[in-house]
């Protein structure tokens, strides 16, 4: 099996708990985005979904576009422009922006690069 070098991934935390993993895969039949809850998180007593639109489940979520919940974690307006310029990231590259800004979000969910 050929490994996709363009695939990007990040870890999603709910508070201090690893809740899951989000990936961007621009190639292949399922190109787009995937989110999967971590198996240990699903077994945890009191585990909560990261979003009402993404209830706890074992199956992966798939989307052709970045999930609205994660897009909602991104800066907007002038802050998006400033962040994009500072980090030298295209403002339309939402996944890359998420990886670089997801450690400082409003709320309990944070996103960190997998590496």
N, C-alpha and C. Protein backbone atom coordinates (compact mmCIF):
# COMPACT_ATOMS: atom_id res chain seq x y z
N UNK A 1 0.83 -1.17 0.00
CA UNK A 1 0.00 0.00 0.00
C UNK A 1 0.89 1.25 0.00
N UNK A 2 0.56 2.19 -0.87
CA UNK A 2 1.32 3.42 -0.99
C UNK A 2 0.90 4.41 0.08
N UNK A 3 1.86 4.99 0.81
CA UNK A 3 1.56 5.94 1.86
C UNK A 3 1.33 7.33 1.24
N UNK A 4 0.30 8.02 1.71
CA UNK A 4 -0.03 9.35 1.22
C UNK A 4 0.78 10.38 2.00
N UNK A 5 1.74 10.99 1.33
CA UNK A 5 2.60 11.97 1.99
C UNK A 5 1.89 13.30 2.23
N UNK A 6 0.76 13.54 1.57
CA UNK A 6 0.04 14.80 1.72
C UNK A 6 -0.96 14.78 2.87
N UNK A 7 -1.14 13.64 3.50
CA UNK A 7 -2.10 13.53 4.59
C UNK A 7 -1.58 14.27 5.81
N UNK A 8 -2.43 15.08 6.41
CA UNK A 8 -2.09 15.83 7.61
C UNK A 8 -3.00 15.36 8.74
N UNK A 9 -2.50 15.40 9.97
CA UNK A 9 -3.31 14.96 11.10
C UNK A 9 -3.03 15.82 12.33
N UNK A 10 -4.03 15.87 13.20
CA UNK A 10 -3.89 16.59 14.46
C UNK A 10 -4.67 15.85 15.54
N UNK A 11 -4.24 16.05 16.77
CA UNK A 11 -4.90 15.44 17.92
C UNK A 11 -5.89 16.43 18.50
N UNK A 12 -7.05 15.92 18.89
CA UNK A 12 -8.12 16.77 19.43
C UNK A 12 -8.30 16.41 20.90
N UNK A 13 -8.21 17.42 21.76
CA UNK A 13 -8.34 17.23 23.19
C UNK A 13 -9.62 17.89 23.70
N UNK A 14 -10.27 17.21 24.64
CA UNK A 14 -11.39 17.80 25.37
C UNK A 14 -10.88 17.97 26.78
N UNK A 15 -10.62 19.19 27.17
CA UNK A 15 -9.91 19.44 28.42
C UNK A 15 -8.52 18.87 28.28
N UNK A 16 -8.13 18.03 29.24
CA UNK A 16 -6.80 17.40 29.18
C UNK A 16 -6.84 16.01 28.56
N UNK A 17 -8.02 15.55 28.19
CA UNK A 17 -8.18 14.20 27.65
C UNK A 17 -8.09 14.18 26.13
N UNK A 18 -7.32 13.22 25.62
CA UNK A 18 -7.27 13.01 24.17
C UNK A 18 -8.63 12.48 23.73
N UNK A 19 -9.35 13.27 22.96
CA UNK A 19 -10.70 12.89 22.53
C UNK A 19 -10.69 12.20 21.17
N UNK A 20 -9.75 12.57 20.30
CA UNK A 20 -9.75 11.97 18.98
C UNK A 20 -8.67 12.53 18.09
N UNK A 21 -8.85 12.27 16.80
CA UNK A 21 -7.86 12.64 15.79
C UNK A 21 -8.60 13.13 14.55
N UNK A 22 -8.14 14.24 14.01
CA UNK A 22 -8.70 14.77 12.77
C UNK A 22 -7.62 14.71 11.70
N UNK A 23 -8.00 14.31 10.48
CA UNK A 23 -7.07 14.18 9.37
C UNK A 23 -7.61 14.90 8.14
N UNK A 24 -6.67 15.37 7.35
CA UNK A 24 -7.00 15.91 6.03
C UNK A 24 -6.26 15.06 5.02
N UNK A 25 -7.02 14.50 4.08
CA UNK A 25 -6.43 13.66 3.04
C UNK A 25 -6.90 14.20 1.69
N UNK A 26 -6.04 14.92 0.98
CA UNK A 26 -6.45 15.51 -0.29
C UNK A 26 -6.50 14.55 -1.46
N UNK A 27 -6.12 13.27 -1.24
CA UNK A 27 -6.07 12.30 -2.32
C UNK A 27 -6.98 11.12 -2.05
N UNK A 28 -7.24 10.37 -3.09
CA UNK A 28 -7.97 9.12 -2.93
C UNK A 28 -9.48 9.26 -3.02
N UNK A 29 -10.17 8.13 -2.93
CA UNK A 29 -11.62 8.13 -3.09
C UNK A 29 -12.36 8.83 -1.96
N UNK A 30 -11.76 8.91 -0.79
CA UNK A 30 -12.40 9.57 0.35
C UNK A 30 -11.68 10.87 0.67
N UNK A 31 -11.27 11.60 -0.35
CA UNK A 31 -10.54 12.84 -0.10
C UNK A 31 -11.41 13.78 0.72
N UNK A 32 -10.77 14.52 1.59
CA UNK A 32 -11.47 15.44 2.47
C UNK A 32 -10.97 15.27 3.89
N UNK A 33 -11.90 15.26 4.83
CA UNK A 33 -11.55 15.26 6.24
C UNK A 33 -12.18 14.07 6.96
N UNK A 34 -11.48 13.61 7.99
CA UNK A 34 -11.98 12.54 8.84
C UNK A 34 -11.77 12.95 10.29
N UNK A 35 -12.73 12.63 11.12
CA UNK A 35 -12.55 12.76 12.56
C UNK A 35 -12.95 11.44 13.19
N UNK A 36 -12.12 10.96 14.11
CA UNK A 36 -12.41 9.72 14.81
C UNK A 36 -12.14 9.90 16.30
N UNK A 37 -13.13 9.53 17.11
CA UNK A 37 -12.93 9.56 18.55
C UNK A 37 -11.92 8.49 18.95
N UNK A 38 -11.10 8.80 19.93
CA UNK A 38 -10.13 7.87 20.48
C UNK A 38 -10.87 6.76 21.23
N UNK A 39 -10.47 5.51 21.02
CA UNK A 39 -11.14 4.37 21.65
C UNK A 39 -11.13 4.46 23.17
N UNK A 40 -10.02 4.87 23.76
CA UNK A 40 -9.93 5.00 25.22
C UNK A 40 -10.86 6.10 25.73
N UNK A 41 -10.99 7.18 24.94
CA UNK A 41 -11.88 8.27 25.32
C UNK A 41 -13.34 7.79 25.33
N UNK A 42 -13.70 7.00 24.35
CA UNK A 42 -15.06 6.49 24.27
C UNK A 42 -15.39 5.60 25.47
N UNK A 43 -14.40 4.94 26.05
CA UNK A 43 -14.60 4.05 27.19
C UNK A 43 -14.61 4.81 28.52
N UNK A 44 -14.15 6.04 28.48
CA UNK A 44 -14.01 6.83 29.71
C UNK A 44 -15.38 7.20 30.28
N UNK A 45 -15.55 7.00 31.55
CA UNK A 45 -16.78 7.39 32.23
C UNK A 45 -16.93 8.92 32.16
N UNK A 46 -18.07 9.37 31.73
CA UNK A 46 -18.31 10.80 31.63
C UNK A 46 -17.77 11.45 30.37
N UNK A 47 -17.35 10.64 29.40
CA UNK A 47 -16.86 11.21 28.13
C UNK A 47 -17.96 12.05 27.50
N UNK A 48 -17.57 13.17 26.95
CA UNK A 48 -18.53 14.07 26.32
C UNK A 48 -18.15 14.28 24.87
N UNK A 49 -19.13 14.47 24.00
CA UNK A 49 -18.81 14.75 22.60
C UNK A 49 -18.15 16.12 22.49
N UNK A 50 -17.30 16.27 21.49
CA UNK A 50 -16.65 17.57 21.29
C UNK A 50 -17.64 18.59 20.77
N UNK A 51 -18.72 18.09 20.16
CA UNK A 51 -19.75 18.95 19.56
C UNK A 51 -21.06 18.18 19.54
N UNK A 52 -22.17 18.89 19.69
CA UNK A 52 -23.48 18.23 19.58
C UNK A 52 -23.69 17.64 18.19
N UNK A 53 -23.04 18.23 17.20
CA UNK A 53 -23.16 17.74 15.82
C UNK A 53 -22.29 16.51 15.57
N UNK A 54 -21.45 16.16 16.53
CA UNK A 54 -20.56 15.00 16.40
C UNK A 54 -20.66 14.14 17.66
N UNK A 55 -21.82 13.46 17.82
CA UNK A 55 -22.00 12.62 19.01
C UNK A 55 -20.93 11.52 19.11
N UNK A 56 -20.74 11.03 20.32
CA UNK A 56 -19.78 9.94 20.53
C UNK A 56 -20.18 8.73 19.70
N UNK A 57 -19.22 8.19 18.95
CA UNK A 57 -19.44 6.98 18.16
C UNK A 57 -18.09 6.39 17.78
N UNK A 58 -18.07 5.09 17.50
CA UNK A 58 -16.83 4.40 17.11
C UNK A 58 -16.46 4.69 15.66
N UNK A 59 -17.45 4.90 14.81
CA UNK A 59 -17.20 5.10 13.38
C UNK A 59 -16.61 6.49 13.14
N UNK A 60 -15.80 6.57 12.09
CA UNK A 60 -15.21 7.85 11.69
C UNK A 60 -16.27 8.75 11.08
N UNK A 61 -16.09 10.03 11.29
CA UNK A 61 -16.88 11.04 10.58
C UNK A 61 -16.11 11.43 9.33
N UNK A 62 -16.80 11.62 8.22
CA UNK A 62 -16.17 12.01 6.95
C UNK A 62 -16.86 13.27 6.43
N UNK A 63 -16.07 14.13 5.78
CA UNK A 63 -16.62 15.34 5.18
C UNK A 63 -15.71 15.81 4.06
N UNK A 64 -16.29 16.34 3.02
CA UNK A 64 -15.50 16.91 1.91
C UNK A 64 -14.90 18.26 2.29
N UNK A 65 -15.53 18.94 3.26
CA UNK A 65 -15.05 20.24 3.75
C UNK A 65 -14.72 20.11 5.23
N UNK A 66 -13.94 21.04 5.76
CA UNK A 66 -13.63 21.02 7.18
C UNK A 66 -14.92 21.07 7.98
N UNK A 67 -15.05 20.19 8.95
CA UNK A 67 -16.25 20.12 9.77
C UNK A 67 -16.56 21.52 10.35
N UNK A 68 -17.81 21.95 10.29
CA UNK A 68 -18.17 23.28 10.80
C UNK A 68 -17.71 23.54 12.22
N UNK A 69 -17.75 22.52 13.08
CA UNK A 69 -17.29 22.72 14.46
C UNK A 69 -15.85 23.19 14.48
N UNK A 70 -14.98 22.53 13.72
CA UNK A 70 -13.56 22.89 13.71
C UNK A 70 -13.33 24.23 13.02
N UNK A 71 -14.10 24.50 11.99
CA UNK A 71 -13.98 25.80 11.33
C UNK A 71 -14.34 26.92 12.30
N UNK A 72 -15.29 26.64 13.18
CA UNK A 72 -15.70 27.62 14.17
C UNK A 72 -14.62 27.94 15.20
N UNK A 73 -13.60 27.11 15.31
CA UNK A 73 -12.49 27.37 16.22
C UNK A 73 -11.47 28.35 15.63
N UNK A 74 -11.58 28.62 14.34
CA UNK A 74 -10.60 29.48 13.67
C UNK A 74 -10.87 30.96 13.90
N UNK A 75 -9.81 31.76 13.85
CA UNK A 75 -10.01 33.21 13.94
C UNK A 75 -10.80 33.71 12.73
N UNK A 76 -11.43 34.87 12.90
CA UNK A 76 -12.22 35.46 11.82
C UNK A 76 -11.81 36.91 11.60
N UNK A 77 -12.24 37.45 10.48
CA UNK A 77 -12.07 38.88 10.20
C UNK A 77 -10.63 39.33 10.23
N UNK A 78 -10.41 40.46 10.90
CA UNK A 78 -9.07 41.05 10.94
C UNK A 78 -8.08 40.13 11.65
N UNK A 79 -8.55 39.35 12.64
CA UNK A 79 -7.66 38.44 13.35
C UNK A 79 -7.20 37.29 12.43
N UNK A 80 -8.10 36.83 11.57
CA UNK A 80 -7.71 35.81 10.59
C UNK A 80 -6.66 36.37 9.64
N UNK A 81 -6.88 37.59 9.18
CA UNK A 81 -5.92 38.22 8.27
C UNK A 81 -4.56 38.38 8.94
N UNK A 82 -4.55 38.87 10.16
CA UNK A 82 -3.31 39.06 10.90
C UNK A 82 -2.61 37.73 11.16
N UNK A 83 -3.38 36.73 11.59
CA UNK A 83 -2.83 35.40 11.87
C UNK A 83 -2.24 34.78 10.60
N UNK A 84 -2.97 34.88 9.51
CA UNK A 84 -2.49 34.33 8.23
C UNK A 84 -1.19 34.98 7.79
N UNK A 85 -1.12 36.29 7.93
CA UNK A 85 0.10 37.00 7.53
C UNK A 85 1.27 36.64 8.44
N UNK A 86 1.00 36.59 9.74
CA UNK A 86 2.06 36.29 10.71
C UNK A 86 2.61 34.89 10.53
N UNK A 87 1.72 33.92 10.34
CA UNK A 87 2.14 32.53 10.20
C UNK A 87 2.49 32.15 8.77
N UNK A 88 2.25 33.08 7.85
CA UNK A 88 2.50 32.83 6.42
C UNK A 88 1.72 31.62 5.92
N UNK A 89 0.41 31.60 6.26
CA UNK A 89 -0.50 30.53 5.86
C UNK A 89 -1.64 31.16 5.07
N UNK A 90 -1.94 30.58 3.93
CA UNK A 90 -3.06 31.05 3.12
C UNK A 90 -4.33 31.02 3.98
N UNK A 91 -5.11 32.11 4.04
CA UNK A 91 -6.32 32.12 4.86
C UNK A 91 -7.36 31.08 4.43
N UNK A 92 -7.24 30.56 3.21
CA UNK A 92 -8.16 29.52 2.74
C UNK A 92 -7.69 28.11 3.15
N UNK A 93 -6.48 27.99 3.68
CA UNK A 93 -5.95 26.70 4.14
C UNK A 93 -6.38 26.49 5.59
N UNK A 94 -7.64 26.17 5.75
CA UNK A 94 -8.24 26.12 7.08
C UNK A 94 -7.65 25.04 7.97
N UNK A 95 -7.29 23.91 7.40
CA UNK A 95 -6.73 22.84 8.23
C UNK A 95 -5.36 23.25 8.78
N UNK A 96 -4.54 23.84 7.96
CA UNK A 96 -3.22 24.30 8.41
C UNK A 96 -3.38 25.39 9.47
N UNK A 97 -4.34 26.27 9.29
CA UNK A 97 -4.61 27.29 10.30
C UNK A 97 -5.07 26.64 11.61
N UNK A 98 -5.92 25.62 11.50
CA UNK A 98 -6.40 24.92 12.69
C UNK A 98 -5.24 24.30 13.46
N UNK A 99 -4.33 23.66 12.74
CA UNK A 99 -3.18 23.03 13.39
C UNK A 99 -2.32 24.07 14.11
N UNK A 100 -2.18 25.25 13.53
CA UNK A 100 -1.30 26.27 14.11
C UNK A 100 -1.97 27.17 15.14
N UNK A 101 -3.29 27.21 15.19
CA UNK A 101 -3.97 28.08 16.14
C UNK A 101 -4.84 27.31 17.13
N UNK A 102 -4.99 26.00 16.92
CA UNK A 102 -5.91 25.20 17.72
C UNK A 102 -5.52 25.00 19.16
N UNK A 103 -4.31 25.37 19.54
CA UNK A 103 -3.90 25.21 20.94
C UNK A 103 -4.43 26.34 21.81
N UNK A 104 -4.97 27.37 21.18
CA UNK A 104 -5.45 28.54 21.92
C UNK A 104 -6.87 28.89 21.48
N UNK A 105 -7.81 28.01 21.80
CA UNK A 105 -9.19 28.21 21.39
C UNK A 105 -10.04 28.64 22.58
N UNK A 106 -11.23 29.14 22.28
CA UNK A 106 -12.21 29.45 23.30
C UNK A 106 -12.96 28.15 23.58
N UNK A 107 -13.05 27.77 24.84
CA UNK A 107 -13.77 26.54 25.16
C UNK A 107 -12.86 25.41 25.58
N UNK A 108 -13.43 24.22 25.68
CA UNK A 108 -12.72 23.07 26.23
C UNK A 108 -11.94 22.28 25.19
N UNK A 109 -12.19 22.50 23.90
CA UNK A 109 -11.55 21.71 22.85
C UNK A 109 -10.31 22.42 22.32
N UNK A 110 -9.21 21.67 22.25
CA UNK A 110 -7.99 22.19 21.63
C UNK A 110 -7.52 21.19 20.58
N UNK A 111 -6.75 21.70 19.63
CA UNK A 111 -6.24 20.89 18.53
C UNK A 111 -4.74 21.12 18.46
N UNK A 112 -3.98 20.02 18.47
CA UNK A 112 -2.51 20.11 18.43
C UNK A 112 -1.97 19.25 17.30
N UNK A 113 -0.89 19.70 16.68
CA UNK A 113 -0.29 18.88 15.62
C UNK A 113 0.06 17.50 16.16
N UNK A 114 -0.10 16.49 15.31
CA UNK A 114 0.18 15.12 15.74
C UNK A 114 1.66 14.89 15.97
N UNK A 115 2.51 15.56 15.27
CA UNK A 115 3.96 15.34 15.38
C UNK A 115 4.49 15.82 16.71
